Amino acid sequence: MAKIAFTLVWGVVLVAANRALQDTTWAQYLVTFLLGGIYALALSKVTILRGGNISEESK
């Protein structure tokens, strides 16, 4: 459930960033690339978003 909520919030952030940079195409590409990388990193590193138990964190 946390992953779904995080994805929906991240989608809103991405849309808001793209609308704020509407007239600068290169900035939209840059922000989309950076936010995509941060999203992927967050999904792979944050235990709650991975769906694992807190006790698995020490492994």
Protein backbone atom coordinates (compact mmCIF):
# COMPACT_ATOMS: atom_id res chain seq x y z
CA MET A 1 0.00 0.00 0.00
CA ALA A 2 2.87 2.37 0.77
CA LYS A 3 4.35 1.83 -2.69
CA ILE A 4 1.07 2.77 -4.36
CA ALA A 5 0.69 5.93 -2.29
CA PHE A 6 4.33 6.88 -2.91
CA THR A 7 3.88 6.35 -6.66
CA LEU A 8 0.75 8.51 -6.77
CA VAL A 9 2.42 11.31 -4.82
CA TRP A 10 5.52 11.07 -7.00
CA GLY A 11 3.34 11.30 -10.13
CA VAL A 12 1.78 14.51 -8.82
CA VAL A 13 5.26 15.91 -8.13
CA LEU A 14 6.39 15.01 -11.64
CA VAL A 15 3.34 16.60 -13.29
CA ALA A 16 3.71 19.74 -11.16
CA ALA A 17 7.40 20.04 -12.05
CA ASN A 18 6.67 19.62 -15.76
CA ARG A 19 3.90 22.22 -15.66
CA ALA A 20 6.16 24.67 -13.84
CA LEU A 21 8.78 24.24 -16.58
CA GLN A 22 6.30 24.25 -19.45
CA ASP A 23 8.21 26.56 -21.82
CA THR A 24 11.66 25.05 -21.35
CA THR A 25 11.80 21.61 -22.94
CA TRP A 26 15.39 20.85 -21.91
CA ALA A 27 14.54 21.55 -18.25
CA GLN A 28 11.52 19.25 -18.43
CA TYR A 29 13.71 16.43 -19.74
CA LEU A 30 16.30 17.06 -17.05
CA VAL A 31 13.77 17.17 -14.20
CA THR A 32 11.97 14.06 -15.50
CA PHE A 33 15.26 12.16 -15.68
CA LEU A 34 16.36 13.28 -12.21
CA LEU A 35 13.00 12.58 -10.57
CA GLY A 36 12.86 9.17 -12.25
CA GLY A 37 16.27 8.30 -10.85
CA ILE A 38 15.34 9.48 -7.38
CA TYR A 39 12.11 7.48 -7.57
CA ALA A 40 13.94 4.29 -8.56
CA LEU A 41 16.53 4.81 -5.83
CA ALA A 42 13.83 5.40 -3.22
CA LEU A 43 11.97 2.24 -4.21
CA SER A 44 15.11 0.14 -3.97
CA LYS A 45 16.49 1.57 -0.71
CA VAL A 46 13.52 2.43 1.53
CA THR A 47 12.43 -0.65 3.46
CA ILE A 48 8.80 0.39 3.80
CA LEU A 49 8.47 0.88 0.03
CA ARG A 50 10.15 -2.46 -0.74
CA GLY A 51 7.53 -4.28 1.28
CA GLY A 52 10.04 -5.97 3.53
CA ASN A 53 10.01 -6.34 7.27
CA ILE A 54 12.03 -4.01 9.43
CA SER A 55 14.03 -7.01 10.71
CA GLU A 56 15.29 -7.62 7.15
CA GLU A 57 17.04 -4.25 7.23
CA SER A 58 20.04 -5.65 9.09
CA LYS A 59 20.78 -8.27 6.39
